[in-house]
């Protein structure tokens, strides 16, 4: 199933290019056009980059969501049912391809950030740990997206469902510190799983705005979300494909 999804990349390289280039465009836009970082200590790019890396892991789910609903809508799943595979194999294969694309996007964004003057101040272990947290968060968001796509059922409804991701992304500390926000808003931002991941990544990379003690939350939140949405998605997929 993963090889099948990767084969689609060769036939539709434009979609992969857009998916990888979009977060880089966001980084450049917020770093140079919208940047300011009210309440952010130090150089704003040092604060922005980890936040943008975390934000990228929450966005761009529509490719996987569309692929899943398209297979259901076109009857491709009916052909897979005649093959000896588990119900969740199609979903796992698609998510594996998405994770490869996400890792590529992280590598490209990191290279762009280095060109902008950003530097990671932790060691190699901290750097890998930060990327591990980012990919874990992506994996959790991916299964939420898959479950919502299966609820939507049709490719044309996926765009409407994808809009639900935007409040999660922007109601976070990706661009500004919660201290610069109203108290009620800052509290909501601090509880956002994306904020926990961004703060833990900042701590591991030695960026400003880093607070120790958030790594456990950056691990616990995605695992809790996976424990809920992974079985829900597989169960719903099994019902829809029968």
C-alpha atoms as a PDB file:
ATOM      1  CA  UNK A   1       0.000   0.000   0.000  1.00  0.00           C
ATOM      2  CA  UNK A   2       2.857   2.414   0.728  1.00  0.00           C
ATOM      3  CA  UNK A   3       4.510   1.592  -2.628  1.00  0.00           C
ATOM      4  CA  UNK A   4       1.174   2.267  -4.324  1.00  0.00           C
ATOM      5  CA  UNK A   5       0.992   5.724  -2.769  1.00  0.00           C
ATOM      6  CA  UNK A   6       4.618   6.496  -3.649  1.00  0.00           C
ATOM      7  CA  UNK A   7       3.927   5.488  -7.254  1.00  0.00           C
ATOM      8  CA  UNK A   8       1.313   8.251  -7.352  1.00  0.00           C
ATOM      9  CA  UNK A   9       4.087  10.727  -6.578  1.00  0.00           C
ATOM     10  CA  UNK A  10       5.867   9.812  -9.817  1.00  0.00           C
ATOM     11  CA  UNK A  11       2.690  10.404 -11.813  1.00  0.00           C
ATOM     12  CA  UNK A  12       1.710  13.594  -9.966  1.00  0.00           C
ATOM     13  CA  UNK A  13       4.945  15.293  -8.869  1.00  0.00           C
ATOM     14  CA  UNK A  14       3.292  18.707  -8.898  1.00  0.00           C
ATOM     15  CA  UNK A  15       1.116  17.858  -5.905  1.00  0.00           C
ATOM     16  CA  UNK A  16       4.122  16.728  -3.894  1.00  0.00           C
ATOM     17  CA  UNK A  17       6.067  19.853  -4.864  1.00  0.00           C
ATOM     18  CA  UNK A  18       3.220  22.135  -3.786  1.00  0.00           C
ATOM     19  CA  UNK A  19       2.778  20.259  -0.514  1.00  0.00           C
ATOM     20  CA  UNK A  20       6.476  20.581   0.302  1.00  0.00           C
ATOM     21  CA  UNK A  21       6.875  24.182  -0.911  1.00  0.00           C
ATOM     22  CA  UNK A  22       3.804  25.576   0.863  1.00  0.00           C
ATOM     23  CA  UNK A  23       5.261  25.459   4.416  1.00  0.00           C
ATOM     24  CA  UNK A  24       8.466  27.074   3.122  1.00  0.00           C
ATOM     25  CA  UNK A  25       6.358  29.914   1.694  1.00  0.00           C
ATOM     26  CA  UNK A  26       4.637  30.289   5.069  1.00  0.00           C
ATOM     27  CA  UNK A  27       7.995  30.484   6.825  1.00  0.00           C
ATOM     28  CA  UNK A  28       9.223  33.207   4.475  1.00  0.00           C
ATOM     29  CA  UNK A  29       5.929  35.103   4.679  1.00  0.00           C
ATOM     30  CA  UNK A  30       5.721  35.161   8.469  1.00  0.00           C
ATOM     31  CA  UNK A  31       9.442  35.674   8.877  1.00  0.00           C
ATOM     32  CA  UNK A  32       9.698  38.699   6.584  1.00  0.00           C
ATOM     33  CA  UNK A  33       6.220  40.046   5.766  1.00  0.00           C
ATOM     34  CA  UNK A  34       4.140  39.436   8.892  1.00  0.00           C
ATOM     35  CA  UNK A  35       6.911  38.889  11.423  1.00  0.00           C
ATOM     36  CA  UNK A  36       7.230  41.044  14.486  1.00  0.00           C
ATOM     37  CA  UNK A  37       6.972  38.728  17.416  1.00  0.00           C
ATOM     38  CA  UNK A  38       5.404  40.975  20.041  1.00  0.00           C
ATOM     39  CA  UNK A  39       6.527  39.710  23.448  1.00  0.00           C
ATOM     40  CA  UNK A  40       9.100  37.328  21.965  1.00  0.00           C
ATOM     41  CA  UNK A  41      12.579  37.577  23.505  1.00  0.00           C
ATOM     42  CA  UNK A  42      15.628  37.587  21.228  1.00  0.00           C
ATOM     43  CA  UNK A  43      15.586  37.245  17.462  1.00  0.00           C
ATOM     44  CA  UNK A  44      12.092  36.529  16.136  1.00  0.00           C
ATOM     45  CA  UNK A  45      13.242  33.963  13.548  1.00  0.00           C
ATOM     46  CA  UNK A  46      14.717  31.849  16.366  1.00  0.00           C
ATOM     47  CA  UNK A  47      11.276  31.752  17.972  1.00  0.00           C
ATOM     48  CA  UNK A  48       9.345  31.434  14.715  1.00  0.00           C
ATOM     49  CA  UNK A  49      11.130  28.471  13.125  1.00  0.00           C
ATOM     50  CA  UNK A  50      10.209  25.805  15.730  1.00  0.00           C
ATOM     51  CA  UNK A  51       6.652  27.116  15.750  1.00  0.00           C
ATOM     52  CA  UNK A  52       6.447  26.905  11.970  1.00  0.00           C
ATOM     53  CA  UNK A  53       7.844  23.372  12.013  1.00  0.00           C
ATOM     54  CA  UNK A  54       5.087  22.363  14.432  1.00  0.00           C
ATOM     55  CA  UNK A  55       2.443  24.226  12.424  1.00  0.00           C
ATOM     56  CA  UNK A  56       3.513  22.423   9.245  1.00  0.00           C
ATOM     57  CA  UNK A  57       2.805  19.111  10.950  1.00  0.00           C
ATOM     58  CA  UNK A  58      -0.809  20.184  11.524  1.00  0.00           C
ATOM     59  CA  UNK A  59      -1.445  21.472   7.994  1.00  0.00           C
ATOM     60  CA  UNK A  60      -1.459  19.745   4.610  1.00  0.00           C
ATOM     61  CA  UNK A  61      -3.647  16.817   5.637  1.00  0.00           C
ATOM     62  CA  UNK A  62      -5.978  17.184   2.676  1.00  0.00           C
ATOM     63  CA  UNK A  63      -3.778  15.068   0.368  1.00  0.00           C
ATOM     64  CA  UNK A  64      -4.219  11.988   2.523  1.00  0.00           C
ATOM     65  CA  UNK A  65      -7.856  12.810   3.253  1.00  0.00           C
ATOM     66  CA  UNK A  66      -8.615  13.138  -0.460  1.00  0.00           C
ATOM     67  CA  UNK A  67      -6.774   9.921  -1.328  1.00  0.00           C
ATOM     68  CA  UNK A  68      -8.765   7.913   1.221  1.00  0.00           C
ATOM     69  CA  UNK A  69     -12.149   9.296   0.187  1.00  0.00           C
ATOM     70  CA  UNK A  70     -11.291   8.974  -3.507  1.00  0.00           C
ATOM     71  CA  UNK A  71     -10.493   5.274  -3.110  1.00  0.00           C
ATOM     72  CA  UNK A  72     -13.816   4.772  -1.379  1.00  0.00           C
ATOM     73  CA  UNK A  73     -15.738   6.841  -3.912  1.00  0.00           C
ATOM     74  CA  UNK A  74     -14.252   5.095  -6.968  1.00  0.00           C
ATOM     75  CA  UNK A  75     -14.671   1.575  -5.631  1.00  0.00           C
ATOM     76  CA  UNK A  76     -10.950   0.850  -5.417  1.00  0.00           C
ATOM     77  CA  UNK A  77     -11.482  -0.564  -1.939  1.00  0.00           C
ATOM     78  CA  UNK A  78     -13.769  -3.239  -3.395  1.00  0.00           C
ATOM     79  CA  UNK A  79     -10.802  -4.640  -5.324  1.00  0.00           C
ATOM     80  CA  UNK A  80      -8.600  -4.554  -2.248  1.00  0.00           C
ATOM     81  CA  UNK A  81     -11.185  -6.541  -0.301  1.00  0.00           C
ATOM     82  CA  UNK A  82     -10.477  -9.577  -2.481  1.00  0.00           C
ATOM     83  CA  UNK A  83      -6.819  -9.490  -1.408  1.00  0.00           C
ATOM     84  CA  UNK A  84      -5.441 -10.987   1.830  1.00  0.00           C
ATOM     85  CA  UNK A  85      -4.823  -7.781   3.788  1.00  0.00           C
ATOM     86  CA  UNK A  86      -5.969  -6.245   7.035  1.00  0.00           C
ATOM     87  CA  UNK A  87      -8.733  -3.629   7.017  1.00  0.00           C
ATOM     88  CA  UNK A  88      -6.334  -0.908   8.075  1.00  0.00           C
ATOM     89  CA  UNK A  89      -3.615  -1.692   5.518  1.00  0.00           C
ATOM     90  CA  UNK A  90      -4.853   0.935   3.032  1.00  0.00           C
ATOM     91  CA  UNK A  91      -4.917   3.615   5.717  1.00  0.00           C
ATOM     92  CA  UNK A  92      -1.535   2.640   7.161  1.00  0.00           C
ATOM     93  CA  UNK A  93       0.048   2.619   3.697  1.00  0.00           C
ATOM     94  CA  UNK A  94      -1.311   6.057   2.935  1.00  0.00           C
ATOM     95  CA  UNK A  95      -0.177   7.419   6.309  1.00  0.00           C
ATOM     96  CA  UNK A  96       3.323   5.980   5.777  1.00  0.00           C
ATOM     97  CA  UNK A  97       3.617   7.829   2.469  1.00  0.00           C
ATOM     98  CA  UNK A  98       2.400  11.008   4.137  1.00  0.00           C
ATOM     99  CA  UNK A  99       5.010  10.647   6.887  1.00  0.00           C
ATOM    100  CA  UNK A 100       7.762  10.380   4.273  1.00  0.00           C
ATOM    101  CA  UNK A 101       6.497  13.557   2.636  1.00  0.00           C
ATOM    102  CA  UNK A 102       6.330  15.271   6.050  1.00  0.00           C
ATOM    103  CA  UNK A 103       9.931  14.307   6.817  1.00  0.00           C
ATOM    104  CA  UNK A 104      10.945  15.763   3.452  1.00  0.00           C
ATOM    105  CA  UNK A 105       9.060  18.991   4.223  1.00  0.00           C
ATOM    106  CA  UNK A 106      10.805  19.242   7.613  1.00  0.00           C
ATOM    107  CA  UNK A 107      14.209  18.795   5.979  1.00  0.00           C
ATOM    108  CA  UNK A 108      13.469  21.456   3.359  1.00  0.00           C
ATOM    109  CA  UNK A 109      12.133  23.905   5.950  1.00  0.00           C
ATOM    110  CA  UNK A 110      15.168  23.356   8.168  1.00  0.00           C
ATOM    111  CA  UNK A 111      17.473  24.088   5.233  1.00  0.00           C
ATOM    112  CA  UNK A 112      15.518  27.254   4.459  1.00  0.00           C
ATOM    113  CA  UNK A 113      15.670  28.306   8.119  1.00  0.00           C
ATOM    114  CA  UNK A 114      19.440  27.865   8.123  1.00  0.00           C
ATOM    115  CA  UNK A 115      19.617  30.087   5.043  1.00  0.00           C
ATOM    116  CA  UNK A 116      17.629  32.724   6.964  1.00  0.00           C
ATOM    117  CA  UNK A 117      20.182  32.672   9.771  1.00  0.00           C
ATOM    118  CA  UNK A 118      18.418  30.353  12.228  1.00  0.00           C
ATOM    119  CA  UNK A 119      20.593  27.895  14.141  1.00  0.00           C
ATOM    120  CA  UNK A 120      19.803  24.950  16.402  1.00  0.00           C
ATOM    121  CA  UNK A 121      21.696  25.329  19.664  1.00  0.00           C
ATOM    122  CA  UNK A 122      21.178  21.837  21.071  1.00  0.00           C
ATOM    123  CA  UNK A 123      23.222  18.774  20.264  1.00  0.00           C
ATOM    124  CA  UNK A 124      22.520  16.110  17.650  1.00  0.00           C
ATOM    125  CA  UNK A 125      20.454  14.079  20.125  1.00  0.00           C
ATOM    126  CA  UNK A 126      18.252  17.060  20.969  1.00  0.00           C
ATOM    127  CA  UNK A 127      17.874  17.853  17.254  1.00  0.00           C
ATOM    128  CA  UNK A 128      16.701  14.315  16.465  1.00  0.00           C
ATOM    129  CA  UNK A 129      14.447  14.333  19.516  1.00  0.00           C
ATOM    130  CA  UNK A 130      12.795  17.542  18.323  1.00  0.00           C
ATOM    131  CA  UNK A 131      12.169  16.049  14.889  1.00  0.00           C
ATOM    132  CA  UNK A 132      10.811  12.912  16.525  1.00  0.00           C
ATOM    133  CA  UNK A 133       8.278  14.990  18.476  1.00  0.00           C
ATOM    134  CA  UNK A 134       7.266  16.825  15.310  1.00  0.00           C
ATOM    135  CA  UNK A 135       6.700  13.596  13.374  1.00  0.00           C
ATOM    136  CA  UNK A 136       4.805  12.056  16.300  1.00  0.00           C
ATOM    137  CA  UNK A 137       2.496  15.069  16.336  1.00  0.00           C
ATOM    138  CA  UNK A 138       2.066  14.756  12.568  1.00  0.00           C
ATOM    139  CA  UNK A 139       1.159  11.083  12.882  1.00  0.00           C
ATOM    140  CA  UNK A 140      -1.538  11.895  15.425  1.00  0.00           C
ATOM    141  CA  UNK A 141      -2.958  14.742  13.323  1.00  0.00           C
ATOM    142  CA  UNK A 142      -2.912  12.460  10.307  1.00  0.00           C
ATOM    143  CA  UNK A 143      -5.227   9.917  11.918  1.00  0.00           C
ATOM    144  CA  UNK A 144      -7.574  12.653  13.074  1.00  0.00           C
ATOM    145  CA  UNK A 145      -7.689  13.833   9.461  1.00  0.00           C
ATOM    146  CA  UNK A 146      -8.295  10.310   8.150  1.00  0.00           C
ATOM    147  CA  UNK A 147     -11.165   9.817  10.591  1.00  0.00           C
ATOM    148  CA  UNK A 148     -12.742  13.155   9.605  1.00  0.00           C
ATOM    149  CA  UNK A 149     -12.320  12.284   5.917  1.00  0.00           C
ATOM    150  CA  UNK A 150     -14.126   8.997   6.433  1.00  0.00           C
ATOM    151  CA  UNK A 151     -16.934  10.864   8.177  1.00  0.00           C
ATOM    152  CA  UNK A 152     -17.135  13.308   5.254  1.00  0.00           C
ATOM    153  CA  UNK A 153     -17.199  10.375   2.851  1.00  0.00           C
ATOM    154  CA  UNK A 154     -16.848  12.380  -0.376  1.00  0.00           C
ATOM    155  CA  UNK A 155     -13.738  14.089  -1.821  1.00  0.00           C
ATOM    156  CA  UNK A 156     -15.670  17.318  -2.412  1.00  0.00           C
ATOM    157  CA  UNK A 157     -16.453  17.585   1.316  1.00  0.00           C
ATOM    158  CA  UNK A 158     -12.834  17.195   2.427  1.00  0.00           C
ATOM    159  CA  UNK A 159     -12.018  20.871   1.885  1.00  0.00           C
ATOM    160  CA  UNK A 160     -14.761  21.891   4.289  1.00  0.00           C
ATOM    161  CA  UNK A 161     -13.458  19.456   6.902  1.00  0.00           C
ATOM    162  CA  UNK A 162      -9.869  20.647   6.397  1.00  0.00           C
ATOM    163  CA  UNK A 163     -10.922  24.147   7.450  1.00  0.00           C
ATOM    164  CA  UNK A 164     -11.378  22.765  10.981  1.00  0.00           C
ATOM    165  CA  UNK A 165      -7.583  22.384  11.220  1.00  0.00           C
ATOM    166  CA  UNK A 166      -6.947  26.133  10.859  1.00  0.00           C
ATOM    167  CA  UNK A 167      -8.217  27.175  14.317  1.00  0.00           C
ATOM    168  CA  UNK A 168      -5.977  24.512  15.869  1.00  0.00           C
ATOM    169  CA  UNK A 169      -2.991  25.855  13.963  1.00  0.00           C
ATOM    170  CA  UNK A 170      -3.444  29.556  14.581  1.00  0.00           C
ATOM    171  CA  UNK A 171      -4.779  29.262  18.147  1.00  0.00           C
ATOM    172  CA  UNK A 172      -1.274  28.323  19.236  1.00  0.00           C
ATOM    173  CA  UNK A 173       2.062  29.823  20.214  1.00  0.00           C
ATOM    174  CA  UNK A 174       3.544  29.266  16.748  1.00  0.00           C
ATOM    175  CA  UNK A 175       3.783  33.017  16.046  1.00  0.00           C
ATOM    176  CA  UNK A 176       3.499  34.761  19.425  1.00  0.00           C
ATOM    177  CA  UNK A 177       3.866  33.985  23.108  1.00  0.00           C
ATOM    178  CA  UNK A 178       0.727  33.387  25.207  1.00  0.00           C
ATOM    179  CA  UNK A 179       1.978  36.145  27.558  1.00  0.00           C
ATOM    180  CA  UNK A 180       1.255  38.713  24.844  1.00  0.00           C
ATOM    181  CA  UNK A 181      -2.390  37.575  24.564  1.00  0.00           C
ATOM    182  CA  UNK A 182      -5.446  38.191  26.766  1.00  0.00           C
ATOM    183  CA  UNK A 183      -5.482  35.869  29.768  1.00  0.00           C
ATOM    184  CA  UNK A 184      -8.368  33.687  28.547  1.00  0.00           C
ATOM    185  CA  UNK A 185      -6.845  33.341  25.080  1.00  0.00           C
ATOM    186  CA  UNK A 186      -3.358  32.654  26.426  1.00  0.00           C
ATOM    187  CA  UNK A 187      -4.753  29.860  28.619  1.00  0.00           C
ATOM    188  CA  UNK A 188      -6.468  28.231  25.629  1.00  0.00           C
ATOM    189  CA  UNK A 189      -3.270  28.546  23.588  1.00  0.00           C
ATOM    190  CA  UNK A 190      -1.196  26.871  26.293  1.00  0.00           C
ATOM    191  CA  UNK A 191      -3.524  23.847  26.319  1.00  0.00           C
ATOM    192  CA  UNK A 192      -3.334  23.404  22.545  1.00  0.00           C
ATOM    193  CA  UNK A 193      -1.372  20.201  21.732  1.00  0.00           C
ATOM    194  CA  UNK A 194       0.393  22.076  18.925  1.00  0.00           C
ATOM    195  CA  UNK A 195       1.641  24.641  21.467  1.00  0.00           C
ATOM    196  CA  UNK A 196       2.989  21.867  23.684  1.00  0.00           C
ATOM    197  CA  UNK A 197       4.901  20.392  20.757  1.00  0.00           C
ATOM    198  CA  UNK A 198       6.223  23.794  19.643  1.00  0.00           C
ATOM    199  CA  UNK A 199       7.373  24.657  23.185  1.00  0.00           C
ATOM    200  CA  UNK A 200       9.109  21.295  23.625  1.00  0.00           C
ATOM    201  CA  UNK A 201      10.830  21.670  20.243  1.00  0.00           C
ATOM    202  CA  UNK A 202      11.988  25.168  21.180  1.00  0.00           C
ATOM    203  CA  UNK A 203      13.435  23.785  24.414  1.00  0.00           C
ATOM    204  CA  UNK A 204      15.289  20.976  22.625  1.00  0.00           C
ATOM    205  CA  UNK A 205      16.641  23.345  19.958  1.00  0.00           C
ATOM    206  CA  UNK A 206      17.616  26.041  22.462  1.00  0.00           C
ATOM    207  CA  UNK A 207      15.314  28.680  20.983  1.00  0.00           C
ATOM    208  CA  UNK A 208      13.824  31.681  22.844  1.00  0.00           C
ATOM    209  CA  UNK A 209      10.450  31.114  24.452  1.00  0.00           C
ATOM    210  CA  UNK A 210      11.505  27.621  25.493  1.00  0.00           C
ATOM    211  CA  UNK A 211      10.210  26.270  28.766  1.00  0.00           C
ATOM    212  CA  UNK A 212      11.438  22.978  30.268  1.00  0.00           C
ATOM    213  CA  UNK A 213       8.965  20.335  31.331  1.00  0.00           C
ATOM    214  CA  UNK A 214       6.810  20.308  28.183  1.00  0.00           C
ATOM    215  CA  UNK A 215       8.407  17.284  26.516  1.00  0.00           C
ATOM    216  CA  UNK A 216       6.219  14.832  28.406  1.00  0.00           C
ATOM    217  CA  UNK A 217       3.089  16.706  27.268  1.00  0.00           C
ATOM    218  CA  UNK A 218       4.390  16.796  23.682  1.00  0.00           C
ATOM    219  CA  UNK A 219       4.575  12.988  23.838  1.00  0.00           C
ATOM    220  CA  UNK A 220       1.423  12.355  25.869  1.00  0.00           C
ATOM    221  CA  UNK A 221      -0.941  14.469  23.738  1.00  0.00           C
ATOM    222  CA  UNK A 222      -0.214  12.736  20.385  1.00  0.00           C
ATOM    223  CA  UNK A 223      -0.274   9.280  21.994  1.00  0.00           C
ATOM    224  CA  UNK A 224      -3.643  10.043  23.585  1.00  0.00           C
ATOM    225  CA  UNK A 225      -5.020  11.305  20.270  1.00  0.00           C
ATOM    226  CA  UNK A 226      -3.700   8.208  18.489  1.00  0.00           C
ATOM    227  CA  UNK A 227      -5.279   5.936  21.093  1.00  0.00           C
ATOM    228  CA  UNK A 228      -8.647   7.512  20.269  1.00  0.00           C
ATOM    229  CA  UNK A 229      -8.588   8.189  16.530  1.00  0.00           C
ATOM    230  CA  UNK A 230      -6.519   5.283  15.168  1.00  0.00           C
ATOM    231  CA  UNK A 231      -9.053   2.592  16.181  1.00  0.00           C
ATOM    232  CA  UNK A 232     -11.963   4.879  15.288  1.00  0.00           C
ATOM    233  CA  UNK A 233     -10.605   5.423  11.766  1.00  0.00           C
ATOM    234  CA  UNK A 234      -9.834   1.727  11.173  1.00  0.00           C
ATOM    235  CA  UNK A 235     -13.262   0.678  12.482  1.00  0.00           C
ATOM    236  CA  UNK A 236     -15.117   3.212  10.338  1.00  0.00           C
ATOM    237  CA  UNK A 237     -13.052   2.307   7.285  1.00  0.00           C
ATOM    238  CA  UNK A 238     -13.925  -1.372   7.788  1.00  0.00           C
ATOM    239  CA  UNK A 239     -17.639  -0.517   7.918  1.00  0.00           C
ATOM    240  CA  UNK A 240     -17.511   1.722   4.855  1.00  0.00           C
ATOM    241  CA  UNK A 241     -15.565  -0.804   2.773  1.00  0.00           C
ATOM    242  CA  UNK A 242     -18.048  -3.615   3.327  1.00  0.00           C
END
